[in-house]
Amino acid sequence: MLCPDLHWQRQSPEQNTLETDVQVHADAVRASWSVSDEKLEALRKATQEDVTLQTALEYTRSGWPQYKEDVKLAAREFYSVKDELSDHDGLLVRGSRIVIPFSHRKDILGKIHDGHQGIQKCRERANQCVWWSGMGQEIKEMVGRCRHCLESKPTQRKEPLITSKLPEYPFQKVGVDLLAFRGENYLSYVDYYSRFIEIEQLSRETAEEVIGKLKDLFSRHGVPEIVVSDNGTQFTSEKFQDFRHSWGFTHVTSSPRYPQSNGEAERSVQTSKTILKQSDVALALLSYRATPIPSLGASPAELAFGRQLRTRPPSLPKSLIPQTPVAKDFKERDRQAKQQQKENNDRRHGVQSLPILKPGETTVKIKIDGKDGWRQSGRVVEQCAIRSYMVQTPTGILRRNRRHLRRASTGEEVQIPKFPAAGDSGGAETVEELELPDPPDVKTVPVCTRSGREVKLPLRFQ
């Protein structure tokens, strides 16, 4: 009589099926890995030397404790995903993703960031094949330290529109700007209250010429309390500052490289160019001044002088009698029009407010709209106006709009030499002057702006 071996047991069909399914799954997981045998062997060896992964593998083979408190400290980070872990020939795998040993994570992070894709793209790429606890945060930190990615960041989103407050009376606040049209230079002058525009042709683009034209305009409309301009040399020169003190008005400059901060003047430049295109400029200017502004219900002439202008179309004499628009109604219409403009602008551009930068503490990267790369470094010296900052850079002190400044990320290389404080320079928002050698005697080619205006050097550089 034959006795069966006590150590031998017949396997049931269900057990055979389960083992087959497990093997098929393991083969499918292995086939999904696009990695060489050499690399797999290196990962397997590193896993054997990694105490944390070895502890997790032991639990995966023998079974995990019921309570997390009973798990060894080294493997507790795997407890929440213990049901997804498996052992594939000495490799710890979560689902179909290889759990990377600590010694190989830096190399894997570099490969994940091939092509310098963003945080989300890198995470999606990593989630296809690898995993370790805290991988998403490490990817975020790696991309945040990447110099190429930091320099190539897109321009910051526009901030909510700030509408200008309506002045109390005509020509209390005016905006001035220079424009070039068909080879000639002009001065555009606009009243913030009435939108009344003056266009003066310039024989030269000098501070003396601009000051002379402004004196003529002041003699007609009175001296404004506030004059808003860009940072052109005509307006930042010492002569213009003397003129400002002598005539008793406040001069406000917009953020350099950010014309939107002087929107009224920029809009008047567009209107002025449209007028200058007409065959009869004087008639076109008269027509503009006499035409009611739809959102305000009155023409620039009515708002400025309290009466309509006589134009070529026939009109009743009584319509030309002075009759000042009711200021209360006009101001309410102006407020509503600007509020609607703000809502439309903010919705169209998907605006987002940027945090205020603290002087002396904040290091920043600088980028101008239309330029490539956040390459220039600086440190905020002071906030000189709403959304406008003085920034100390390796080349001097600059003034820039908040949209052009980005907080330097941790680990970014920022080199800023020590400079005197902004108040010690004796000047306003100009870059430090450097002593340069005399230029060679060569014929220079005129440089023009995008609008076609020829750029002329100040007299002291000629």
Protein backbone atom coordinates (compact mmCIF):
# COMPACT_ATOMS: atom_id res chain seq x y z
CA MET A 1 0.00 0.00 0.00
CA LEU A 2 1.40 3.40 -1.03
CA CYS A 3 1.15 6.31 1.40
CA PRO A 4 0.96 9.81 0.03
CA ASP A 5 3.77 12.26 0.85
CA LEU A 6 2.62 14.36 3.78
CA HIS A 7 4.46 17.40 2.34
CA TRP A 8 2.73 17.16 -1.03
CA GLN A 9 -0.65 18.69 -1.63
CA ARG A 10 -2.59 18.72 -4.84
CA GLN A 11 -3.18 22.31 -6.06
CA SER A 12 -6.76 23.19 -6.80
CA PRO A 13 -7.76 24.59 -10.21
CA GLU A 14 -8.56 27.92 -8.50
CA GLN A 15 -4.99 28.19 -7.16
CA ASN A 16 -3.54 27.43 -10.58
CA THR A 17 -5.73 30.09 -12.16
CA LEU A 18 -4.73 32.70 -9.54
CA GLU A 19 -1.02 32.03 -10.01
CA THR A 20 -1.44 32.25 -13.76
CA ASP A 21 -3.27 35.59 -13.47
CA VAL A 22 -0.58 36.96 -11.16
CA GLN A 23 2.16 35.90 -13.55
CA VAL A 24 0.33 37.43 -16.53
CA HIS A 25 -0.07 40.67 -14.60
CA ALA A 26 3.62 40.68 -13.64
CA ASP A 27 4.64 40.07 -17.24
CA ALA A 28 2.34 42.88 -18.42
CA VAL A 29 3.79 45.28 -15.86
CA ARG A 30 7.34 44.37 -16.88
CA ALA A 31 6.50 44.80 -20.57
CA SER A 32 5.16 48.31 -19.89
CA TRP A 33 8.54 49.47 -18.61
CA SER A 34 10.56 51.13 -21.35
CA VAL A 35 13.87 50.59 -19.58
CA SER A 36 16.94 48.51 -20.33
CA ASP A 37 17.90 45.40 -18.38
CA GLU A 38 21.08 47.17 -17.30
CA LYS A 39 19.10 50.04 -15.78
CA LEU A 40 16.70 47.63 -14.09
CA GLU A 41 19.62 45.78 -12.55
CA ALA A 42 21.04 49.08 -11.26
CA LEU A 43 17.67 49.95 -9.70
CA ARG A 44 17.42 46.47 -8.20
CA LYS A 45 20.85 46.79 -6.62
CA ALA A 46 20.05 50.27 -5.28
CA THR A 47 16.78 48.92 -3.84
CA GLN A 48 18.71 46.24 -1.97
CA GLU A 49 20.90 48.94 -0.42
CA ASP A 50 17.96 51.20 0.47
CA VAL A 51 16.85 50.43 4.03
CA THR A 52 13.44 52.07 3.58
CA LEU A 53 12.56 50.11 0.44
CA GLN A 54 13.85 46.85 1.89
CA THR A 55 11.61 47.29 4.92
CA ALA A 56 8.62 47.97 2.65
CA LEU A 57 9.49 44.90 0.56
CA GLU A 58 9.57 42.69 3.66
CA TYR A 59 6.09 43.86 4.65
CA THR A 60 4.87 43.42 1.08
CA ARG A 61 6.04 39.79 1.03
CA SER A 62 4.95 38.82 4.54
CA GLY A 63 1.95 41.08 5.05
CA TRP A 64 1.44 44.53 6.55
CA PRO A 65 0.37 45.05 10.17
CA GLN A 66 -3.24 46.05 10.71
CA TYR A 67 -2.37 49.33 12.39
CA LYS A 68 0.04 51.97 11.13
CA GLU A 69 1.52 52.39 14.61
CA ASP A 70 2.82 48.81 14.40
CA VAL A 71 4.74 49.50 11.18
CA LYS A 72 8.45 50.25 11.46
CA LEU A 73 9.14 53.97 11.18
CA ALA A 74 11.19 53.54 8.00
CA ALA A 75 8.23 52.11 6.08
CA ARG A 76 5.32 54.15 7.45
CA GLU A 77 5.31 56.46 4.42
CA PHE A 78 4.15 53.47 2.34
CA TYR A 79 1.29 52.46 4.62
CA SER A 80 -1.39 54.49 2.81
CA VAL A 81 -0.58 52.72 -0.50
CA LYS A 82 0.29 49.27 0.90
CA ASP A 83 -2.49 47.58 -1.08
CA GLU A 84 -0.95 48.81 -4.35
CA LEU A 85 2.59 47.58 -3.61
CA SER A 86 4.12 44.41 -5.04
CA ASP A 87 7.49 42.72 -5.42
CA HIS A 88 8.81 42.26 -8.97
CA ASP A 89 12.10 40.34 -8.83
CA GLY A 90 13.49 42.50 -6.04
CA LEU A 91 11.95 45.77 -7.24
CA LEU A 92 9.25 47.49 -5.21
CA VAL A 93 6.41 48.46 -7.53
CA ARG A 94 3.29 50.54 -6.95
CA GLY A 95 0.69 49.47 -9.51
CA SER A 96 2.73 49.55 -12.70
CA ARG A 97 5.21 52.19 -11.48
CA ILE A 98 8.66 51.43 -10.14
CA VAL A 99 9.38 52.84 -6.67
CA ILE A 100 12.71 54.64 -7.15
CA PRO A 101 15.44 54.24 -4.50
CA PHE A 102 16.68 57.45 -2.88
CA SER A 103 20.10 57.27 -4.56
CA HIS A 104 18.55 57.36 -8.06
CA ARG A 105 15.90 60.03 -7.54
CA LYS A 106 18.02 63.02 -8.56
CA ASP A 107 18.91 61.34 -11.86
CA ILE A 108 15.26 60.40 -12.50
CA LEU A 109 14.13 63.97 -11.74
CA GLY A 110 16.54 65.27 -14.37
CA LYS A 111 15.18 62.86 -16.97
CA ILE A 112 11.59 63.78 -16.09
CA HIS A 113 12.43 67.44 -16.73
CA ASP A 114 13.86 66.80 -20.21
CA GLY A 115 12.47 69.46 -22.54
CA HIS A 116 11.95 71.87 -19.61
CA GLN A 117 8.23 71.26 -19.33
CA GLY A 118 6.19 72.80 -16.53
CA ILE A 119 5.32 71.35 -13.14
CA GLN A 120 2.05 69.72 -14.18
CA LYS A 121 3.50 68.18 -17.34
CA CYS A 122 6.45 66.76 -15.42
CA ARG A 123 4.13 65.28 -12.81
CA GLU A 124 1.98 63.66 -15.48
CA ARG A 125 5.07 62.24 -17.14
CA ALA A 126 6.42 60.85 -13.88
CA ASN A 127 3.08 59.30 -12.92
CA GLN A 128 3.28 57.07 -15.97
CA CYS A 129 6.30 55.08 -14.84
CA VAL A 130 7.87 55.98 -11.47
CA TRP A 131 6.85 56.86 -7.91
CA TRP A 132 8.17 57.64 -4.47
CA SER A 133 6.70 59.39 -1.47
CA GLY A 134 6.82 63.18 -1.93
CA MET A 135 7.63 62.94 -5.65
CA GLY A 136 5.16 65.68 -6.65
CA GLN A 137 6.67 68.21 -4.23
CA GLU A 138 10.21 67.39 -5.34
CA ILE A 139 9.21 67.94 -8.98
CA LYS A 140 7.72 71.31 -8.04
CA GLU A 141 10.92 72.34 -6.24
CA MET A 142 13.12 71.12 -9.10
CA VAL A 143 11.21 73.11 -11.74
CA GLY A 144 11.20 76.11 -9.40
CA ARG A 145 15.02 76.01 -9.28
CA CYS A 146 15.57 75.45 -13.00
CA ARG A 147 17.38 78.52 -14.34
CA HIS A 148 16.20 78.01 -17.91
CA CYS A 149 12.56 77.70 -16.82
CA LEU A 150 12.79 80.74 -14.55
CA GLU A 151 14.25 82.91 -17.32
CA SER A 152 11.71 81.64 -19.85
CA LYS A 153 8.62 82.21 -17.74
CA PRO A 154 5.87 84.06 -19.61
CA THR A 155 5.08 87.67 -18.82
CA GLN A 156 2.94 88.05 -15.72
CA ARG A 157 -0.79 88.41 -16.12
CA LYS A 158 -2.21 91.90 -16.30
CA GLU A 159 -3.45 93.43 -13.07
CA PRO A 160 -6.94 94.89 -12.60
CA LEU A 161 -7.42 98.20 -14.40
CA ILE A 162 -7.06 101.32 -12.27
CA THR A 163 -9.27 104.07 -13.70
CA SER A 164 -8.21 107.69 -13.28
CA LYS A 165 -10.24 109.91 -10.98
CA LEU A 166 -12.13 112.69 -12.74
CA PRO A 167 -10.62 116.12 -11.88
CA GLU A 168 -12.78 118.81 -10.28
CA TYR A 169 -12.57 121.25 -13.20
CA PRO A 170 -11.26 121.51 -16.79
CA PHE A 171 -7.49 121.58 -17.31
CA GLN A 172 -6.79 120.80 -13.67
CA LYS A 173 -4.93 117.67 -14.78
CA VAL A 174 -3.46 117.19 -18.25
CA GLY A 175 -1.46 114.53 -20.06
CA VAL A 176 1.31 115.23 -22.55
CA ASP A 177 3.16 112.96 -24.96
CA LEU A 178 5.28 113.16 -28.08
CA LEU A 179 4.35 111.47 -31.33
CA ALA A 180 5.88 111.09 -34.77
CA PHE A 181 3.77 111.19 -37.93
CA ARG A 182 5.02 111.18 -41.52
CA GLY A 183 8.46 112.42 -40.57
CA GLU A 184 7.23 115.24 -38.35
CA ASN A 185 7.16 115.43 -34.55
CA TYR A 186 4.21 116.66 -32.52
CA LEU A 187 3.20 117.34 -28.93
CA SER A 188 -0.16 115.90 -27.89
CA TYR A 189 -1.90 117.68 -24.99
CA VAL A 190 -5.12 116.29 -23.45
CA ASP A 191 -7.34 117.49 -20.61
CA TYR A 192 -8.35 114.69 -18.23
CA TYR A 193 -11.68 116.37 -17.45
CA SER A 194 -13.07 117.23 -20.90
CA ARG A 195 -10.85 115.07 -23.20
CA PHE A 196 -10.09 118.30 -25.08
CA ILE A 197 -7.03 117.75 -27.29
CA GLU A 198 -4.38 120.16 -28.55
CA ILE A 199 -1.78 119.17 -31.17
CA GLU A 200 1.38 121.25 -31.51
CA GLN A 201 4.05 120.63 -34.17
CA LEU A 202 7.64 120.57 -32.91
CA SER A 203 10.58 121.86 -34.89
CA ARG A 204 12.96 120.01 -32.55
CA GLU A 205 12.56 117.28 -29.94
CA THR A 206 14.26 119.23 -27.18
CA ALA A 207 13.19 120.25 -23.69
CA GLU A 208 13.31 123.92 -24.72
CA GLU A 209 10.92 123.34 -27.63
CA VAL A 210 8.49 121.32 -25.49
CA ILE A 211 8.57 123.92 -22.71
CA GLY A 212 7.84 126.69 -25.22
CA LYS A 213 4.77 124.85 -26.56
CA LEU A 214 3.51 124.13 -23.06
CA LYS A 215 3.80 127.80 -22.13
CA ASP A 216 1.58 128.68 -25.11
CA LEU A 217 -0.97 126.06 -24.03
CA PHE A 218 -0.90 127.25 -20.43
CA SER A 219 -1.54 130.81 -21.57
CA ARG A 220 -4.74 129.63 -23.34
CA HIS A 221 -6.14 127.15 -20.83
CA GLY A 222 -4.43 128.10 -17.58
CA VAL A 223 -1.67 126.39 -15.63
CA PRO A 224 -2.73 122.85 -14.64
CA GLU A 225 -2.18 121.51 -11.17
CA ILE A 226 -0.86 118.18 -12.47
CA VAL A 227 1.00 117.33 -15.69
CA VAL A 228 1.38 113.62 -16.50
CA SER A 229 4.02 112.45 -18.99
CA ASP A 230 6.28 109.52 -19.80
CA ASN A 231 9.97 109.44 -18.91
CA GLY A 232 11.27 111.00 -22.12
CA THR A 233 14.41 113.09 -21.76
CA GLN A 234 12.40 116.23 -22.56
CA PHE A 235 10.37 115.71 -19.38
CA THR A 236 13.08 114.40 -17.05
CA SER A 237 15.65 117.06 -17.92
CA GLU A 238 16.83 119.65 -15.42
CA LYS A 239 15.33 122.43 -17.55
CA PHE A 240 11.87 120.89 -17.36
CA GLN A 241 12.18 120.55 -13.58
CA ASP A 242 13.11 124.23 -13.36
CA PHE A 243 10.07 125.02 -15.54
CA ARG A 244 7.87 122.94 -13.23
CA HIS A 245 9.04 124.82 -10.14
CA SER A 246 8.78 128.21 -11.85
CA TRP A 247 5.22 127.71 -13.11
CA GLY A 248 3.99 125.88 -10.01
CA PHE A 249 2.58 122.55 -11.19
CA THR A 250 3.16 118.95 -10.12
CA HIS A 251 4.88 116.68 -12.62
CA VAL A 252 3.96 112.97 -12.52
CA THR A 253 5.70 110.39 -14.70
CA SER A 254 4.31 107.01 -15.71
CA SER A 255 6.13 103.70 -15.25
CA PRO A 256 8.93 103.32 -17.82
CA ARG A 257 8.26 100.75 -20.56
CA TYR A 258 4.60 100.63 -19.51
CA PRO A 259 2.56 103.17 -21.53
CA GLN A 260 -0.75 101.80 -20.18
CA SER A 261 -0.05 103.64 -16.93
CA ASN A 262 -0.70 106.92 -18.79
CA GLY A 263 -3.71 105.69 -20.70
CA GLU A 264 -5.33 109.09 -21.36
CA ALA A 265 -2.21 110.47 -23.02
CA GLU A 266 -1.68 107.30 -25.05
CA ARG A 267 -5.30 107.39 -26.19
CA SER A 268 -4.93 111.04 -27.18
CA VAL A 269 -1.89 110.08 -29.30
CA GLN A 270 -4.03 107.59 -31.23
CA THR A 271 -6.75 110.21 -31.72
CA SER A 272 -4.15 112.79 -32.77
CA LYS A 273 -2.71 110.47 -35.41
CA THR A 274 -6.21 109.86 -36.78
CA ILE A 275 -6.72 113.62 -37.01
CA LEU A 276 -3.33 114.19 -38.67
CA LYS A 277 -4.23 111.71 -41.40
CA GLN A 278 -7.01 114.03 -42.63
CA SER A 279 -6.46 116.38 -45.55
CA ASP A 280 -7.62 119.36 -43.45
CA VAL A 281 -6.17 118.88 -39.98
CA ALA A 282 -7.78 122.03 -38.53
CA LEU A 283 -11.24 120.97 -39.68
CA ALA A 284 -10.74 117.44 -38.32
CA LEU A 285 -9.63 118.86 -34.97
CA LEU A 286 -12.69 121.14 -34.85
CA SER A 287 -14.95 118.19 -35.63
CA TYR A 288 -13.44 116.11 -32.81
CA ARG A 289 -13.83 118.92 -30.27
CA ALA A 290 -17.47 119.55 -31.25
CA THR A 291 -18.61 115.90 -31.33
CA PRO A 292 -20.31 114.60 -28.16
CA ILE A 293 -18.57 111.72 -26.41
CA PRO A 294 -21.19 108.91 -26.32
CA SER A 295 -20.49 107.79 -22.76
CA LEU A 296 -20.55 111.37 -21.42
CA GLY A 297 -23.33 112.97 -23.47
CA ALA A 298 -21.34 116.16 -24.13
CA SER A 299 -18.53 117.27 -26.44
CA PRO A 300 -15.00 118.15 -25.28
CA ALA A 301 -15.72 121.82 -26.09
CA GLU A 302 -18.91 121.83 -23.98
CA LEU A 303 -17.10 120.26 -21.04
CA ALA A 304 -14.11 122.58 -21.35
CA PHE A 305 -15.80 125.90 -22.21
CA GLY A 306 -19.47 125.40 -21.41
CA ARG A 307 -20.71 125.93 -24.96
CA GLN A 308 -20.94 124.21 -28.32
CA LEU A 309 -18.63 125.19 -31.15
CA ARG A 310 -20.02 126.52 -34.41
CA THR A 311 -19.16 124.09 -37.19
CA ARG A 312 -20.02 123.83 -40.88
CA PRO A 313 -23.35 122.00 -40.44
CA PRO A 314 -26.16 124.54 -39.76
CA SER A 315 -27.16 125.02 -36.12
CA LEU A 316 -29.53 127.29 -34.19
CA PRO A 317 -27.90 130.33 -32.52
CA LYS A 318 -29.34 129.39 -29.12
CA SER A 319 -27.40 126.12 -29.19
CA LEU A 320 -24.19 128.17 -29.16
CA ILE A 321 -25.12 130.10 -26.01
CA PRO A 322 -22.90 129.04 -23.07
CA GLN A 323 -24.60 126.45 -20.88
CA THR A 324 -22.35 124.42 -18.62
CA PRO A 325 -23.37 120.75 -18.32
CA VAL A 326 -24.61 119.78 -14.88
CA ALA A 327 -21.41 118.67 -13.16
CA LYS A 328 -23.14 116.12 -10.93
CA ASP A 329 -24.77 114.29 -13.84
CA PHE A 330 -21.60 114.43 -15.93
CA LYS A 331 -19.45 113.01 -13.14
CA GLU A 332 -21.89 110.15 -12.60
CA ARG A 333 -21.87 109.28 -16.31
CA ASP A 334 -18.07 109.42 -16.31
CA ARG A 335 -17.93 107.10 -13.28
CA GLN A 336 -20.29 104.60 -14.87
CA ALA A 337 -18.40 104.64 -18.18
CA LYS A 338 -15.06 104.03 -16.46
CA GLN A 339 -16.53 101.28 -14.29
CA GLN A 340 -17.87 99.52 -17.38
CA GLN A 341 -14.50 99.93 -19.09
CA LYS A 342 -12.75 98.41 -16.07
CA GLU A 343 -15.11 95.43 -15.94
CA ASN A 344 -14.69 94.75 -19.66
CA ASN A 345 -10.90 95.06 -19.45
CA ASP A 346 -10.57 92.83 -16.39
CA ARG A 347 -12.82 90.16 -17.86
CA ARG A 348 -11.08 90.20 -21.26
CA HIS A 349 -7.56 89.90 -19.86
CA GLY A 350 -8.27 87.58 -16.91
CA VAL A 351 -6.46 89.98 -14.59
CA GLN A 352 -4.85 89.04 -11.30
CA SER A 353 -3.53 91.37 -8.60
CA LEU A 354 0.17 90.97 -7.82
CA PRO A 355 1.41 91.18 -4.21
CA ILE A 356 3.13 94.38 -3.08
CA LEU A 357 6.95 94.18 -3.00
CA LYS A 358 8.65 95.23 0.23
CA PRO A 359 11.55 97.69 -0.19
CA GLY A 360 14.93 96.44 0.96
CA GLU A 361 13.80 92.85 1.43
CA THR A 362 12.60 91.67 -1.95
CA THR A 363 14.95 90.42 -4.67
CA VAL A 364 13.35 90.38 -8.09
CA LYS A 365 13.84 89.37 -11.70
CA ILE A 366 13.07 91.95 -14.40
CA LYS A 367 11.44 91.39 -17.79
CA ILE A 368 9.92 93.89 -20.23
CA ASP A 369 6.85 93.06 -22.32
CA GLY A 370 7.94 91.76 -25.71
CA LYS A 371 11.44 90.90 -24.46
CA ASP A 372 12.75 87.39 -23.85
CA GLY A 373 13.77 86.08 -20.46
CA TRP A 374 13.74 87.09 -16.80
CA ARG A 375 17.52 87.55 -16.87
CA GLN A 376 18.13 90.88 -15.13
CA SER A 377 18.27 90.82 -11.33
CA GLY A 378 17.52 93.57 -8.86
CA ARG A 379 16.50 94.51 -5.35
CA VAL A 380 13.52 96.73 -4.56
CA VAL A 381 14.64 100.09 -3.14
CA GLU A 382 11.28 101.82 -2.74
CA GLN A 383 7.75 102.03 -4.08
CA CYS A 384 7.55 105.40 -5.81
CA ALA A 385 3.94 105.20 -7.04
CA ILE A 386 1.05 102.76 -7.35
CA ARG A 387 2.48 99.59 -8.96
CA SER A 388 5.76 101.38 -9.67
CA TYR A 389 9.08 100.59 -7.96
CA MET A 390 12.65 101.80 -7.89
CA VAL A 391 14.91 98.76 -8.34
CA GLN A 392 18.66 98.54 -7.73
CA THR A 393 20.38 96.52 -10.48
CA PRO A 394 24.00 95.81 -11.45
CA THR A 395 23.78 98.72 -13.95
CA GLY A 396 22.16 101.27 -11.64
CA ILE A 397 18.76 102.19 -10.27
CA LEU A 398 15.76 101.70 -12.55
CA ARG A 399 12.07 102.41 -12.26
CA ARG A 400 9.79 99.58 -13.34
CA ASN A 401 6.10 98.68 -13.21
CA ARG A 402 5.04 95.81 -10.94
CA ARG A 403 4.05 93.75 -14.00
CA HIS A 404 7.72 93.72 -15.07
CA LEU A 405 8.98 92.50 -11.67
CA ARG A 406 8.84 88.90 -10.44
CA ARG A 407 9.93 87.73 -7.01
CA ALA A 408 13.16 85.76 -7.31
CA SER A 409 12.55 82.12 -6.42
CA THR A 410 14.54 80.36 -3.74
CA GLY A 411 17.89 79.30 -5.16
CA GLU A 412 17.84 81.74 -8.09
CA GLU A 413 21.16 83.41 -8.71
CA VAL A 414 20.85 87.12 -7.86
CA GLN A 415 23.99 89.24 -7.93
CA ILE A 416 23.54 92.89 -7.00
CA PRO A 417 26.52 95.15 -6.23
CA LYS A 418 26.20 97.73 -3.47
CA PHE A 419 25.07 101.17 -4.59
CA PRO A 420 24.33 104.39 -2.72
CA ALA A 421 20.73 104.80 -1.58
CA ALA A 422 18.32 106.22 -4.12
CA GLY A 423 18.10 109.52 -2.24
CA ASP A 424 21.91 110.01 -2.34
CA SER A 425 22.15 110.09 -6.11
CA GLY A 426 20.73 113.60 -6.34
CA GLY A 427 18.54 112.63 -9.27
CA ALA A 428 15.12 111.15 -9.79
CA GLU A 429 14.39 107.90 -11.58
CA THR A 430 17.38 107.83 -13.95
CA VAL A 431 20.04 105.19 -14.33
CA GLU A 432 23.50 106.00 -13.00
CA GLU A 433 25.72 107.82 -15.47
CA LEU A 434 28.93 105.98 -16.26
CA GLU A 435 32.14 107.51 -17.55
CA LEU A 436 32.68 106.13 -21.04
CA PRO A 437 35.60 106.57 -23.44
CA ASP A 438 35.16 108.95 -26.37
CA PRO A 439 33.38 107.17 -29.23
CA PRO A 440 35.25 106.68 -32.51
CA ASP A 441 34.61 109.20 -35.25
CA VAL A 442 32.16 107.20 -37.35
CA LYS A 443 28.97 108.06 -39.16
CA THR A 444 25.94 106.97 -37.13
CA VAL A 445 22.73 105.60 -38.55
CA PRO A 446 19.53 107.20 -37.15
CA VAL A 447 17.60 104.96 -34.78
CA CYS A 448 13.79 105.03 -34.88
CA THR A 449 11.16 103.87 -32.41
CA ARG A 450 8.38 101.47 -33.38
CA SER A 451 6.11 104.44 -34.10
CA GLY A 452 8.66 105.87 -36.55
CA ARG A 453 9.96 108.70 -34.37
CA GLU A 454 13.70 109.29 -34.73
CA VAL A 455 15.61 108.84 -31.47
CA LYS A 456 17.87 111.84 -30.84
CA LEU A 457 20.63 111.99 -28.26
CA PRO A 458 20.49 114.69 -25.57
CA LEU A 459 22.72 117.67 -26.30
CA ARG A 460 25.27 116.66 -23.65
CA PHE A 461 25.94 113.41 -25.57
CA GLN A 462 26.16 114.99 -29.03
